[in-house]
N, C-alpha and C. Protein backbone atom coordinates (compact mmCIF):
# COMPACT_ATOMS: atom_id res chain seq x y z
N MET A 1 24.40 -21.10 -14.76
CA MET A 1 23.61 -20.23 -15.63
C MET A 1 23.89 -18.77 -15.30
N ILE A 2 23.97 -17.94 -16.33
CA ILE A 2 24.30 -16.53 -16.13
C ILE A 2 23.28 -15.85 -15.23
N SER A 3 21.99 -16.07 -15.49
CA SER A 3 20.95 -15.39 -14.72
C SER A 3 21.02 -15.76 -13.24
N ASN A 4 21.27 -17.01 -12.96
CA ASN A 4 21.36 -17.46 -11.57
C ASN A 4 22.56 -16.84 -10.87
N ASN A 5 23.68 -16.75 -11.57
CA ASN A 5 24.88 -16.14 -11.01
C ASN A 5 24.66 -14.65 -10.73
N LEU A 6 23.97 -13.99 -11.65
CA LEU A 6 23.69 -12.56 -11.46
C LEU A 6 22.83 -12.34 -10.22
N TRP A 7 21.82 -13.18 -10.05
CA TRP A 7 20.94 -13.06 -8.88
C TRP A 7 21.70 -13.32 -7.59
N LYS A 8 22.52 -14.36 -7.59
CA LYS A 8 23.29 -14.69 -6.39
C LYS A 8 24.27 -13.57 -6.04
N THR A 9 24.89 -12.99 -7.05
CA THR A 9 25.85 -11.91 -6.83
C THR A 9 25.20 -10.70 -6.18
N ASN A 10 23.91 -10.52 -6.45
CA ASN A 10 23.19 -9.34 -5.94
C ASN A 10 22.26 -9.66 -4.78
N GLN A 11 22.53 -10.76 -4.08
CA GLN A 11 21.69 -11.15 -2.96
C GLN A 11 21.65 -10.11 -1.84
N GLN A 12 22.77 -9.44 -1.62
CA GLN A 12 22.79 -8.44 -0.56
C GLN A 12 21.80 -7.32 -0.84
N LEU A 13 21.74 -6.88 -2.10
CA LEU A 13 20.79 -5.83 -2.46
C LEU A 13 19.36 -6.35 -2.35
N ALA A 14 19.14 -7.59 -2.72
CA ALA A 14 17.80 -8.18 -2.60
C ALA A 14 17.36 -8.21 -1.14
N THR A 15 18.28 -8.59 -0.25
CA THR A 15 17.98 -8.63 1.18
C THR A 15 17.74 -7.23 1.72
N THR A 16 18.50 -6.26 1.22
CA THR A 16 18.30 -4.87 1.62
C THR A 16 16.89 -4.40 1.26
N CYS A 17 16.44 -4.78 0.06
CA CYS A 17 15.09 -4.41 -0.37
C CYS A 17 14.03 -5.10 0.52
N LEU A 18 14.25 -6.36 0.84
CA LEU A 18 13.30 -7.09 1.67
C LEU A 18 13.16 -6.45 3.05
N SER A 19 14.27 -6.02 3.61
CA SER A 19 14.24 -5.44 4.96
C SER A 19 13.89 -3.95 4.95
N HIS A 20 13.73 -3.37 3.77
CA HIS A 20 13.42 -1.94 3.68
C HIS A 20 12.07 -1.66 4.35
N PRO A 21 11.94 -0.56 5.07
CA PRO A 21 10.68 -0.27 5.76
C PRO A 21 9.46 -0.18 4.84
N PHE A 22 9.67 0.21 3.59
CA PHE A 22 8.55 0.24 2.65
C PHE A 22 8.01 -1.17 2.44
N VAL A 23 8.91 -2.11 2.15
CA VAL A 23 8.50 -3.49 1.91
C VAL A 23 7.97 -4.14 3.17
N GLN A 24 8.59 -3.87 4.30
CA GLN A 24 8.10 -4.43 5.56
C GLN A 24 6.74 -3.84 5.93
N GLY A 25 6.49 -2.61 5.51
CA GLY A 25 5.17 -2.01 5.73
C GLY A 25 4.10 -2.70 4.90
N ILE A 26 4.47 -3.17 3.70
CA ILE A 26 3.55 -3.98 2.91
C ILE A 26 3.35 -5.33 3.58
N ALA A 27 4.44 -5.87 4.14
CA ALA A 27 4.39 -7.19 4.76
C ALA A 27 3.35 -7.27 5.87
N ASP A 28 3.32 -6.26 6.72
CA ASP A 28 2.40 -6.32 7.86
C ASP A 28 1.18 -5.41 7.72
N GLY A 29 1.08 -4.75 6.56
CA GLY A 29 -0.10 -3.93 6.30
C GLY A 29 -0.08 -2.56 6.93
N THR A 30 1.07 -2.15 7.51
CA THR A 30 1.14 -0.88 8.22
C THR A 30 1.65 0.28 7.37
N LEU A 31 2.08 -0.01 6.13
CA LEU A 31 2.57 1.06 5.27
C LEU A 31 1.49 2.11 5.07
N SER A 32 1.86 3.38 5.17
CA SER A 32 0.87 4.44 5.02
C SER A 32 0.30 4.44 3.60
N GLN A 33 -0.98 4.77 3.49
CA GLN A 33 -1.60 4.85 2.18
C GLN A 33 -0.96 5.96 1.34
N LYS A 34 -0.45 6.98 1.98
CA LYS A 34 0.21 8.06 1.24
C LYS A 34 1.45 7.53 0.53
N SER A 35 2.22 6.73 1.23
CA SER A 35 3.43 6.16 0.65
C SER A 35 3.08 5.19 -0.48
N PHE A 36 2.08 4.34 -0.24
CA PHE A 36 1.71 3.36 -1.25
C PHE A 36 1.07 4.02 -2.46
N ALA A 37 0.29 5.07 -2.23
CA ALA A 37 -0.32 5.79 -3.34
C ALA A 37 0.74 6.42 -4.24
N TYR A 38 1.76 6.99 -3.63
CA TYR A 38 2.86 7.55 -4.42
C TYR A 38 3.54 6.44 -5.22
N TYR A 39 3.79 5.33 -4.57
CA TYR A 39 4.40 4.17 -5.23
C TYR A 39 3.54 3.72 -6.42
N LEU A 40 2.22 3.66 -6.24
CA LEU A 40 1.33 3.23 -7.32
C LEU A 40 1.52 4.08 -8.58
N GLY A 41 1.52 5.39 -8.39
CA GLY A 41 1.68 6.29 -9.52
C GLY A 41 3.03 6.14 -10.20
N GLN A 42 4.07 6.08 -9.39
CA GLN A 42 5.42 5.95 -9.93
C GLN A 42 5.60 4.60 -10.63
N ASP A 43 5.04 3.55 -10.04
CA ASP A 43 5.19 2.23 -10.65
C ASP A 43 4.38 2.12 -11.92
N ALA A 44 3.24 2.78 -11.99
CA ALA A 44 2.46 2.79 -13.23
C ALA A 44 3.26 3.45 -14.34
N PHE A 45 3.91 4.56 -14.02
CA PHE A 45 4.77 5.24 -15.00
C PHE A 45 5.90 4.30 -15.44
N PHE A 46 6.51 3.64 -14.46
CA PHE A 46 7.60 2.72 -14.75
C PHE A 46 7.14 1.55 -15.62
N LEU A 47 6.00 0.96 -15.28
CA LEU A 47 5.52 -0.21 -16.00
C LEU A 47 5.19 0.11 -17.46
N ARG A 48 4.76 1.31 -17.73
CA ARG A 48 4.51 1.69 -19.13
C ARG A 48 5.81 1.77 -19.90
N ALA A 49 6.87 2.24 -19.25
CA ALA A 49 8.19 2.22 -19.88
C ALA A 49 8.67 0.78 -20.06
N PHE A 50 8.37 -0.04 -19.07
CA PHE A 50 8.73 -1.46 -19.12
C PHE A 50 8.08 -2.13 -20.33
N ALA A 51 6.81 -1.83 -20.57
CA ALA A 51 6.10 -2.41 -21.71
C ALA A 51 6.72 -1.96 -23.03
N ARG A 52 7.13 -0.71 -23.09
CA ARG A 52 7.79 -0.22 -24.31
C ARG A 52 9.12 -0.94 -24.54
N ALA A 53 9.85 -1.18 -23.46
CA ALA A 53 11.11 -1.91 -23.58
C ALA A 53 10.86 -3.33 -24.07
N TYR A 54 9.79 -3.96 -23.60
CA TYR A 54 9.44 -5.29 -24.10
C TYR A 54 9.16 -5.24 -25.60
N SER A 55 8.47 -4.21 -26.04
CA SER A 55 8.15 -4.08 -27.47
C SER A 55 9.42 -3.92 -28.30
N LEU A 56 10.37 -3.15 -27.80
CA LEU A 56 11.63 -2.98 -28.50
C LEU A 56 12.40 -4.30 -28.54
N ALA A 57 12.36 -5.04 -27.43
CA ALA A 57 13.02 -6.34 -27.39
C ALA A 57 12.38 -7.30 -28.38
N ALA A 58 11.05 -7.27 -28.48
CA ALA A 58 10.35 -8.13 -29.43
C ALA A 58 10.80 -7.82 -30.86
N ALA A 59 10.93 -6.54 -31.17
CA ALA A 59 11.34 -6.14 -32.51
C ALA A 59 12.76 -6.61 -32.84
N LYS A 60 13.59 -6.77 -31.81
CA LYS A 60 14.97 -7.19 -32.01
C LYS A 60 15.16 -8.70 -31.88
N SER A 61 14.10 -9.42 -31.58
CA SER A 61 14.20 -10.85 -31.36
C SER A 61 14.63 -11.57 -32.63
N PRO A 62 15.60 -12.48 -32.53
CA PRO A 62 16.11 -13.17 -33.70
C PRO A 62 15.25 -14.35 -34.15
N ASP A 63 14.27 -14.73 -33.34
CA ASP A 63 13.42 -15.86 -33.70
C ASP A 63 12.00 -15.60 -33.21
N TRP A 64 11.06 -16.31 -33.79
CA TRP A 64 9.65 -16.08 -33.51
C TRP A 64 9.27 -16.43 -32.07
N LYS A 65 9.88 -17.49 -31.54
CA LYS A 65 9.57 -17.91 -30.18
C LYS A 65 9.91 -16.81 -29.18
N THR A 66 11.06 -16.17 -29.34
CA THR A 66 11.45 -15.08 -28.44
C THR A 66 10.57 -13.86 -28.65
N PHE A 67 10.20 -13.62 -29.90
CA PHE A 67 9.28 -12.52 -30.23
C PHE A 67 7.96 -12.70 -29.47
N GLU A 68 7.42 -13.92 -29.52
CA GLU A 68 6.17 -14.20 -28.82
C GLU A 68 6.31 -14.06 -27.32
N LEU A 69 7.47 -14.47 -26.80
CA LEU A 69 7.71 -14.37 -25.37
C LEU A 69 7.62 -12.92 -24.90
N PHE A 70 8.27 -12.02 -25.60
CA PHE A 70 8.26 -10.62 -25.18
C PHE A 70 6.86 -10.01 -25.27
N HIS A 71 6.06 -10.47 -26.22
CA HIS A 71 4.69 -9.99 -26.27
C HIS A 71 3.86 -10.55 -25.11
N THR A 72 4.15 -11.78 -24.71
CA THR A 72 3.49 -12.36 -23.54
C THR A 72 3.85 -11.57 -22.28
N LEU A 73 5.12 -11.24 -22.16
CA LEU A 73 5.58 -10.47 -21.01
C LEU A 73 4.96 -9.07 -20.98
N ALA A 74 4.79 -8.48 -22.16
CA ALA A 74 4.14 -7.17 -22.22
C ALA A 74 2.69 -7.28 -21.75
N GLY A 75 2.05 -8.40 -22.07
CA GLY A 75 0.69 -8.62 -21.60
C GLY A 75 0.61 -8.74 -20.09
N ALA A 76 1.66 -9.32 -19.49
CA ALA A 76 1.70 -9.43 -18.03
C ALA A 76 1.81 -8.06 -17.38
N VAL A 77 2.46 -7.13 -18.04
CA VAL A 77 2.54 -5.75 -17.53
C VAL A 77 1.14 -5.16 -17.44
N LYS A 78 0.32 -5.44 -18.44
CA LYS A 78 -1.06 -4.95 -18.44
C LYS A 78 -1.80 -5.47 -17.21
N GLU A 79 -1.56 -6.74 -16.84
CA GLU A 79 -2.21 -7.30 -15.66
C GLU A 79 -1.73 -6.61 -14.38
N GLU A 80 -0.44 -6.28 -14.32
CA GLU A 80 0.08 -5.55 -13.16
C GLU A 80 -0.58 -4.19 -13.05
N LEU A 81 -0.72 -3.53 -14.19
CA LEU A 81 -1.34 -2.20 -14.18
C LEU A 81 -2.80 -2.28 -13.74
N GLU A 82 -3.46 -3.37 -14.06
CA GLU A 82 -4.86 -3.55 -13.61
C GLU A 82 -4.92 -3.69 -12.09
N LEU A 83 -3.93 -4.37 -11.50
CA LEU A 83 -3.86 -4.45 -10.04
C LEU A 83 -3.68 -3.05 -9.45
N HIS A 84 -2.77 -2.29 -10.03
CA HIS A 84 -2.54 -0.92 -9.57
C HIS A 84 -3.82 -0.09 -9.69
N GLN A 85 -4.55 -0.30 -10.80
CA GLN A 85 -5.76 0.48 -11.02
C GLN A 85 -6.82 0.16 -9.99
N SER A 86 -6.87 -1.09 -9.52
CA SER A 86 -7.85 -1.46 -8.50
C SER A 86 -7.57 -0.73 -7.20
N TYR A 87 -6.29 -0.63 -6.84
CA TYR A 87 -5.92 0.14 -5.65
C TYR A 87 -6.21 1.63 -5.89
N ALA A 88 -5.86 2.11 -7.06
CA ALA A 88 -6.02 3.54 -7.36
C ALA A 88 -7.48 3.96 -7.30
N ALA A 89 -8.35 3.10 -7.81
CA ALA A 89 -9.78 3.41 -7.78
C ALA A 89 -10.29 3.46 -6.34
N LYS A 90 -9.79 2.55 -5.51
CA LYS A 90 -10.22 2.49 -4.12
C LYS A 90 -9.80 3.74 -3.35
N TRP A 91 -8.60 4.24 -3.67
CA TRP A 91 -8.05 5.37 -2.91
C TRP A 91 -8.05 6.68 -3.69
N GLU A 92 -8.73 6.68 -4.85
CA GLU A 92 -8.87 7.88 -5.67
C GLU A 92 -7.51 8.46 -6.08
N VAL A 93 -6.65 7.58 -6.60
CA VAL A 93 -5.33 7.99 -7.10
C VAL A 93 -5.39 8.03 -8.62
N ASN A 94 -4.94 9.14 -9.21
CA ASN A 94 -4.93 9.30 -10.67
C ASN A 94 -3.62 8.73 -11.23
N LEU A 95 -3.71 7.65 -11.98
CA LEU A 95 -2.52 7.04 -12.55
C LEU A 95 -2.22 7.54 -13.96
N GLU A 96 -3.06 8.43 -14.47
CA GLU A 96 -2.90 8.87 -15.86
C GLU A 96 -2.02 10.10 -16.00
N ASN A 97 -1.91 10.89 -14.97
CA ASN A 97 -1.11 12.12 -15.05
C ASN A 97 -0.04 12.12 -13.96
N VAL A 98 0.87 11.17 -14.09
CA VAL A 98 1.92 10.99 -13.08
C VAL A 98 3.17 11.77 -13.48
N THR A 99 3.66 12.57 -12.54
CA THR A 99 4.95 13.23 -12.73
C THR A 99 6.02 12.34 -12.13
N PRO A 100 6.92 11.80 -12.95
CA PRO A 100 7.90 10.86 -12.40
C PRO A 100 8.88 11.54 -11.45
N GLY A 101 9.17 10.87 -10.35
CA GLY A 101 10.18 11.36 -9.43
C GLY A 101 11.57 11.09 -9.98
N VAL A 102 12.58 11.58 -9.29
CA VAL A 102 13.96 11.42 -9.75
C VAL A 102 14.33 9.95 -9.88
N ALA A 103 14.01 9.14 -8.86
CA ALA A 103 14.36 7.72 -8.88
C ALA A 103 13.64 6.99 -10.01
N THR A 104 12.39 7.36 -10.25
CA THR A 104 11.62 6.74 -11.32
C THR A 104 12.19 7.09 -12.68
N ARG A 105 12.48 8.36 -12.88
CA ARG A 105 13.03 8.82 -14.16
C ARG A 105 14.40 8.20 -14.42
N ARG A 106 15.20 8.09 -13.39
CA ARG A 106 16.52 7.48 -13.55
C ARG A 106 16.39 6.04 -14.02
N TYR A 107 15.43 5.34 -13.44
CA TYR A 107 15.23 3.93 -13.78
C TYR A 107 14.69 3.77 -15.21
N THR A 108 13.65 4.53 -15.55
CA THR A 108 13.05 4.38 -16.87
C THR A 108 13.99 4.85 -17.98
N ASP A 109 14.75 5.92 -17.73
CA ASP A 109 15.71 6.38 -18.74
C ASP A 109 16.77 5.32 -19.00
N PHE A 110 17.24 4.69 -17.93
CA PHE A 110 18.22 3.61 -18.06
C PHE A 110 17.64 2.44 -18.85
N LEU A 111 16.44 2.03 -18.48
CA LEU A 111 15.80 0.88 -19.11
C LEU A 111 15.59 1.10 -20.61
N LEU A 112 15.07 2.27 -20.96
CA LEU A 112 14.79 2.54 -22.37
C LEU A 112 16.06 2.77 -23.17
N ALA A 113 17.08 3.33 -22.55
CA ALA A 113 18.36 3.50 -23.24
C ALA A 113 18.95 2.14 -23.59
N ILE A 114 18.87 1.20 -22.66
CA ILE A 114 19.34 -0.17 -22.92
C ILE A 114 18.52 -0.80 -24.03
N ALA A 115 17.21 -0.62 -23.97
CA ALA A 115 16.33 -1.23 -24.96
C ALA A 115 16.57 -0.70 -26.37
N TRP A 116 16.85 0.59 -26.49
CA TRP A 116 17.09 1.19 -27.80
C TRP A 116 18.45 0.81 -28.38
N SER A 117 19.45 0.69 -27.52
CA SER A 117 20.82 0.62 -28.03
C SER A 117 21.50 -0.74 -27.91
N ASN A 118 20.84 -1.73 -27.30
CA ASN A 118 21.50 -3.01 -27.06
C ASN A 118 20.71 -4.18 -27.64
N ASN A 119 21.34 -5.36 -27.60
CA ASN A 119 20.67 -6.56 -28.08
C ASN A 119 19.75 -7.12 -27.00
N ILE A 120 19.01 -8.18 -27.32
CA ILE A 120 18.01 -8.66 -26.38
C ILE A 120 18.63 -9.29 -25.13
N GLY A 121 19.86 -9.76 -25.22
CA GLY A 121 20.51 -10.29 -24.02
C GLY A 121 20.68 -9.21 -22.98
N ALA A 122 21.13 -8.04 -23.41
CA ALA A 122 21.32 -6.91 -22.50
C ALA A 122 19.97 -6.36 -22.04
N ILE A 123 19.00 -6.32 -22.95
CA ILE A 123 17.68 -5.81 -22.58
C ILE A 123 17.04 -6.69 -21.50
N ALA A 124 17.10 -8.00 -21.70
CA ALA A 124 16.55 -8.93 -20.71
C ALA A 124 17.27 -8.78 -19.37
N THR A 125 18.56 -8.52 -19.42
CA THR A 125 19.33 -8.34 -18.18
C THR A 125 18.87 -7.10 -17.43
N ALA A 126 18.55 -6.04 -18.14
CA ALA A 126 18.09 -4.81 -17.51
C ALA A 126 16.70 -4.98 -16.89
N MET A 127 15.89 -5.86 -17.48
CA MET A 127 14.51 -6.01 -17.05
C MET A 127 14.32 -7.09 -15.99
N THR A 128 15.21 -8.06 -15.94
CA THR A 128 15.04 -9.19 -15.04
C THR A 128 15.09 -8.83 -13.56
N PRO A 129 15.96 -7.93 -13.11
CA PRO A 129 15.98 -7.63 -11.66
C PRO A 129 14.62 -7.24 -11.10
N CYS A 130 13.86 -6.48 -11.83
CA CYS A 130 12.51 -6.11 -11.37
C CYS A 130 11.66 -7.36 -11.18
N MET A 131 11.66 -8.23 -12.18
CA MET A 131 10.83 -9.43 -12.12
C MET A 131 11.29 -10.38 -11.01
N ARG A 132 12.59 -10.70 -10.99
CA ARG A 132 13.10 -11.66 -10.02
C ARG A 132 13.00 -11.12 -8.60
N LEU A 133 13.29 -9.83 -8.43
CA LEU A 133 13.21 -9.25 -7.09
C LEU A 133 11.78 -9.28 -6.56
N TYR A 134 10.81 -8.94 -7.39
CA TYR A 134 9.43 -8.93 -6.92
C TYR A 134 8.93 -10.33 -6.60
N VAL A 135 9.38 -11.33 -7.37
CA VAL A 135 9.05 -12.71 -7.03
C VAL A 135 9.64 -13.06 -5.66
N PHE A 136 10.89 -12.69 -5.47
CA PHE A 136 11.57 -12.95 -4.19
C PHE A 136 10.82 -12.28 -3.04
N LEU A 137 10.48 -11.02 -3.20
CA LEU A 137 9.77 -10.30 -2.15
C LEU A 137 8.40 -10.91 -1.89
N GLY A 138 7.67 -11.18 -2.97
CA GLY A 138 6.34 -11.75 -2.81
C GLY A 138 6.38 -13.09 -2.09
N GLN A 139 7.31 -13.95 -2.48
CA GLN A 139 7.41 -15.27 -1.85
C GLN A 139 7.82 -15.17 -0.40
N GLN A 140 8.73 -14.26 -0.10
CA GLN A 140 9.16 -14.09 1.29
C GLN A 140 8.01 -13.56 2.16
N LEU A 141 7.26 -12.61 1.62
CA LEU A 141 6.17 -12.02 2.41
C LEU A 141 4.97 -12.97 2.53
N ALA A 142 4.89 -13.96 1.63
CA ALA A 142 3.79 -14.92 1.66
C ALA A 142 4.09 -16.13 2.54
N THR A 143 5.27 -16.15 3.15
CA THR A 143 5.70 -17.29 3.98
C THR A 143 5.49 -16.97 5.47
N PRO A 144 4.83 -17.84 6.24
CA PRO A 144 4.31 -19.14 5.86
C PRO A 144 2.96 -19.09 5.16
N GLU A 145 2.29 -17.94 5.20
CA GLU A 145 1.02 -17.77 4.49
C GLU A 145 0.81 -16.31 4.19
N ILE A 146 -0.06 -16.04 3.23
CA ILE A 146 -0.34 -14.65 2.86
C ILE A 146 -1.21 -14.01 3.93
N PRO A 147 -0.75 -12.92 4.54
CA PRO A 147 -1.55 -12.25 5.57
C PRO A 147 -2.75 -11.55 4.94
N GLU A 148 -3.76 -11.29 5.73
CA GLU A 148 -4.95 -10.60 5.24
C GLU A 148 -4.96 -9.17 5.75
N HIS A 149 -4.66 -8.24 4.86
CA HIS A 149 -4.73 -6.81 5.17
C HIS A 149 -4.83 -6.03 3.86
N GLN A 150 -4.67 -4.73 3.90
CA GLN A 150 -4.93 -3.91 2.72
C GLN A 150 -3.97 -4.15 1.56
N TYR A 151 -2.82 -4.79 1.81
CA TYR A 151 -1.85 -5.04 0.74
C TYR A 151 -1.74 -6.52 0.37
N SER A 152 -2.71 -7.30 0.77
CA SER A 152 -2.67 -8.74 0.51
C SER A 152 -2.61 -9.06 -0.98
N ASP A 153 -3.35 -8.31 -1.79
CA ASP A 153 -3.36 -8.57 -3.23
C ASP A 153 -1.98 -8.36 -3.84
N TRP A 154 -1.25 -7.38 -3.33
CA TRP A 154 0.12 -7.13 -3.82
C TRP A 154 0.97 -8.37 -3.55
N ILE A 155 0.93 -8.88 -2.35
CA ILE A 155 1.71 -10.06 -1.98
C ILE A 155 1.25 -11.27 -2.79
N ARG A 156 -0.05 -11.40 -2.95
CA ARG A 156 -0.61 -12.55 -3.68
C ARG A 156 -0.15 -12.54 -5.13
N THR A 157 -0.12 -11.38 -5.75
CA THR A 157 0.29 -11.28 -7.15
C THR A 157 1.74 -11.70 -7.35
N TYR A 158 2.62 -11.15 -6.54
CA TYR A 158 4.05 -11.36 -6.79
C TYR A 158 4.60 -12.66 -6.20
N SER A 159 3.80 -13.31 -5.37
CA SER A 159 4.21 -14.63 -4.87
C SER A 159 3.64 -15.76 -5.71
N SER A 160 2.88 -15.43 -6.74
CA SER A 160 2.20 -16.44 -7.53
C SER A 160 3.15 -17.23 -8.42
N GLN A 161 2.75 -18.44 -8.74
CA GLN A 161 3.53 -19.28 -9.65
C GLN A 161 3.57 -18.66 -11.03
N GLU A 162 2.50 -17.98 -11.41
CA GLU A 162 2.45 -17.32 -12.72
C GLU A 162 3.58 -16.28 -12.85
N PHE A 163 3.77 -15.49 -11.81
CA PHE A 163 4.81 -14.47 -11.86
C PHE A 163 6.20 -15.12 -11.84
N GLU A 164 6.34 -16.19 -11.09
CA GLU A 164 7.60 -16.95 -11.08
C GLU A 164 7.91 -17.47 -12.49
N ASP A 165 6.92 -18.00 -13.17
CA ASP A 165 7.13 -18.53 -14.52
C ASP A 165 7.58 -17.43 -15.48
N LEU A 166 6.99 -16.25 -15.37
CA LEU A 166 7.37 -15.14 -16.24
C LEU A 166 8.82 -14.72 -15.99
N ALA A 167 9.21 -14.67 -14.72
CA ALA A 167 10.59 -14.32 -14.38
C ALA A 167 11.57 -15.34 -14.96
N GLN A 168 11.22 -16.61 -14.87
CA GLN A 168 12.08 -17.66 -15.40
C GLN A 168 12.23 -17.56 -16.91
N LYS A 169 11.16 -17.21 -17.59
CA LYS A 169 11.22 -17.06 -19.05
C LYS A 169 12.15 -15.92 -19.45
N LEU A 170 12.09 -14.84 -18.71
CA LEU A 170 12.97 -13.72 -18.99
C LEU A 170 14.42 -14.08 -18.70
N GLU A 171 14.64 -14.81 -17.62
CA GLU A 171 15.99 -15.26 -17.28
C GLU A 171 16.56 -16.19 -18.36
N LYS A 172 15.70 -16.97 -18.97
CA LYS A 172 16.15 -17.87 -20.04
C LYS A 172 16.69 -17.08 -21.23
N VAL A 173 16.13 -15.90 -21.47
CA VAL A 173 16.63 -15.05 -22.55
C VAL A 173 18.06 -14.59 -22.23
N ILE A 174 18.30 -14.24 -20.96
CA ILE A 174 19.66 -13.87 -20.55
C ILE A 174 20.61 -15.04 -20.82
N ASP A 175 20.22 -16.21 -20.37
CA ASP A 175 21.09 -17.38 -20.48
C ASP A 175 21.37 -17.74 -21.94
N THR A 176 20.42 -17.43 -22.81
CA THR A 176 20.57 -17.77 -24.23
C THR A 176 21.37 -16.73 -25.01
N TYR A 177 21.20 -15.46 -24.67
CA TYR A 177 21.72 -14.41 -25.54
C TYR A 177 22.76 -13.48 -24.89
N ALA A 178 23.10 -13.71 -23.62
CA ALA A 178 24.02 -12.77 -22.95
C ALA A 178 25.37 -13.39 -22.61
N ASP A 179 25.64 -14.57 -23.14
CA ASP A 179 26.87 -15.26 -22.75
C ASP A 179 28.14 -14.60 -23.26
N ASN A 180 28.03 -13.76 -24.26
CA ASN A 180 29.23 -13.12 -24.83
C ASN A 180 29.42 -11.67 -24.37
N ILE A 181 28.60 -11.23 -23.39
CA ILE A 181 28.73 -9.85 -22.88
C ILE A 181 28.70 -9.87 -21.36
N GLN A 182 29.51 -10.76 -20.78
CA GLN A 182 29.46 -11.03 -19.35
C GLN A 182 29.66 -9.78 -18.49
N GLU A 183 30.73 -9.04 -18.75
CA GLU A 183 31.00 -7.85 -17.93
C GLU A 183 29.90 -6.82 -18.06
N GLU A 184 29.39 -6.66 -19.25
CA GLU A 184 28.32 -5.68 -19.48
C GLU A 184 27.07 -6.05 -18.70
N VAL A 185 26.68 -7.33 -18.74
CA VAL A 185 25.44 -7.71 -18.06
C VAL A 185 25.59 -7.63 -16.54
N GLU A 186 26.77 -7.85 -16.02
CA GLU A 186 26.98 -7.71 -14.58
C GLU A 186 26.72 -6.27 -14.15
N SER A 187 27.22 -5.32 -14.94
CA SER A 187 27.02 -3.91 -14.63
C SER A 187 25.56 -3.50 -14.78
N ILE A 188 24.92 -3.99 -15.83
CA ILE A 188 23.51 -3.66 -16.09
C ILE A 188 22.62 -4.20 -14.97
N TYR A 189 22.82 -5.44 -14.59
CA TYR A 189 22.00 -6.08 -13.56
C TYR A 189 22.15 -5.36 -12.22
N TYR A 190 23.38 -5.06 -11.87
CA TYR A 190 23.65 -4.38 -10.61
C TYR A 190 22.99 -3.00 -10.57
N TYR A 191 23.08 -2.27 -11.67
CA TYR A 191 22.50 -0.93 -11.70
C TYR A 191 20.98 -1.00 -11.56
N ALA A 192 20.36 -1.98 -12.23
CA ALA A 192 18.91 -2.14 -12.12
C ALA A 192 18.50 -2.47 -10.69
N MET A 193 19.29 -3.27 -10.00
CA MET A 193 19.00 -3.59 -8.60
C MET A 193 19.11 -2.34 -7.72
N LEU A 194 20.09 -1.51 -7.99
CA LEU A 194 20.20 -0.25 -7.26
C LEU A 194 18.98 0.63 -7.50
N CYS A 195 18.51 0.64 -8.74
CA CYS A 195 17.31 1.42 -9.06
C CYS A 195 16.10 0.92 -8.31
N GLU A 196 16.00 -0.40 -8.14
CA GLU A 196 14.89 -0.97 -7.38
C GLU A 196 14.94 -0.49 -5.92
N ARG A 197 16.11 -0.56 -5.34
CA ARG A 197 16.27 -0.11 -3.95
C ARG A 197 15.89 1.36 -3.81
N ASP A 198 16.36 2.18 -4.73
CA ASP A 198 16.09 3.62 -4.67
C ASP A 198 14.62 3.93 -4.91
N PHE A 199 13.96 3.08 -5.71
CA PHE A 199 12.54 3.25 -5.99
C PHE A 199 11.73 3.09 -4.70
N PHE A 200 12.04 2.05 -3.93
CA PHE A 200 11.36 1.85 -2.65
C PHE A 200 11.66 2.99 -1.68
N GLN A 201 12.91 3.43 -1.66
CA GLN A 201 13.30 4.50 -0.75
C GLN A 201 12.55 5.78 -1.05
N ALA A 202 12.40 6.10 -2.33
CA ALA A 202 11.70 7.33 -2.73
C ALA A 202 10.24 7.28 -2.27
N ALA A 203 9.60 6.11 -2.43
CA ALA A 203 8.21 5.98 -2.00
C ALA A 203 8.09 6.07 -0.49
N TRP A 204 9.04 5.50 0.22
CA TRP A 204 9.03 5.56 1.68
C TRP A 204 9.19 7.00 2.16
N GLU A 205 10.11 7.71 1.56
CA GLU A 205 10.37 9.10 1.96
C GLU A 205 9.15 9.98 1.70
N MET A 206 8.45 9.72 0.61
CA MET A 206 7.25 10.49 0.32
C MET A 206 6.19 10.29 1.38
N GLY A 207 6.08 9.06 1.89
CA GLY A 207 5.11 8.78 2.94
C GLY A 207 5.48 9.41 4.26
N GLU A 208 6.77 9.69 4.45
CA GLU A 208 7.24 10.29 5.69
C GLU A 208 7.08 11.80 5.73
N VAL A 209 6.85 12.41 4.54
CA VAL A 209 6.70 13.86 4.48
C VAL A 209 5.36 14.26 5.09
N VAL A 210 5.42 15.16 6.01
CA VAL A 210 4.20 15.61 6.71
C VAL A 210 3.53 16.73 5.93
């Protein structure tokens, strides 16, 4: 399957993200609130762009089943934003007036450019790394069990079977509609994975600023 091959090809980047100090700080609960608060705002900005990309994909869907799928996925973004809002309320972080950082803007501009100018196979390819990577991270951090600390809900969300199911549905779109653009999807998937790595790095660096 194309989606499985893409994920396997990018395993090194996935492992790099898992071992990143930002992610490891979530793993053991030691990540600074400053770093996580910055991440919350940036990710909220990103997720709103993600929802718009889903809407564009839905409009381009060649059949009703795929159309419904993208609307379901857009609804899942709303649930992620609600998780972010719960953290934001606790730590008094404003998610409504976020100025995107360079890494965030690079990622959202790429995602929306793909969504506007490509077919749904390419769009799903651009969006899948975020979904599959977060499932991977969540499952790894939840093994052998979900730890209890200030970031437990983050781990619980992304290690859930529900999130796994959503990632698989998006991957199915790649497998169905991206078989004739192999080289293009390899480049798109790899770039999105790089954006994920840089997103974590930007949040980590912000937490390190005194």
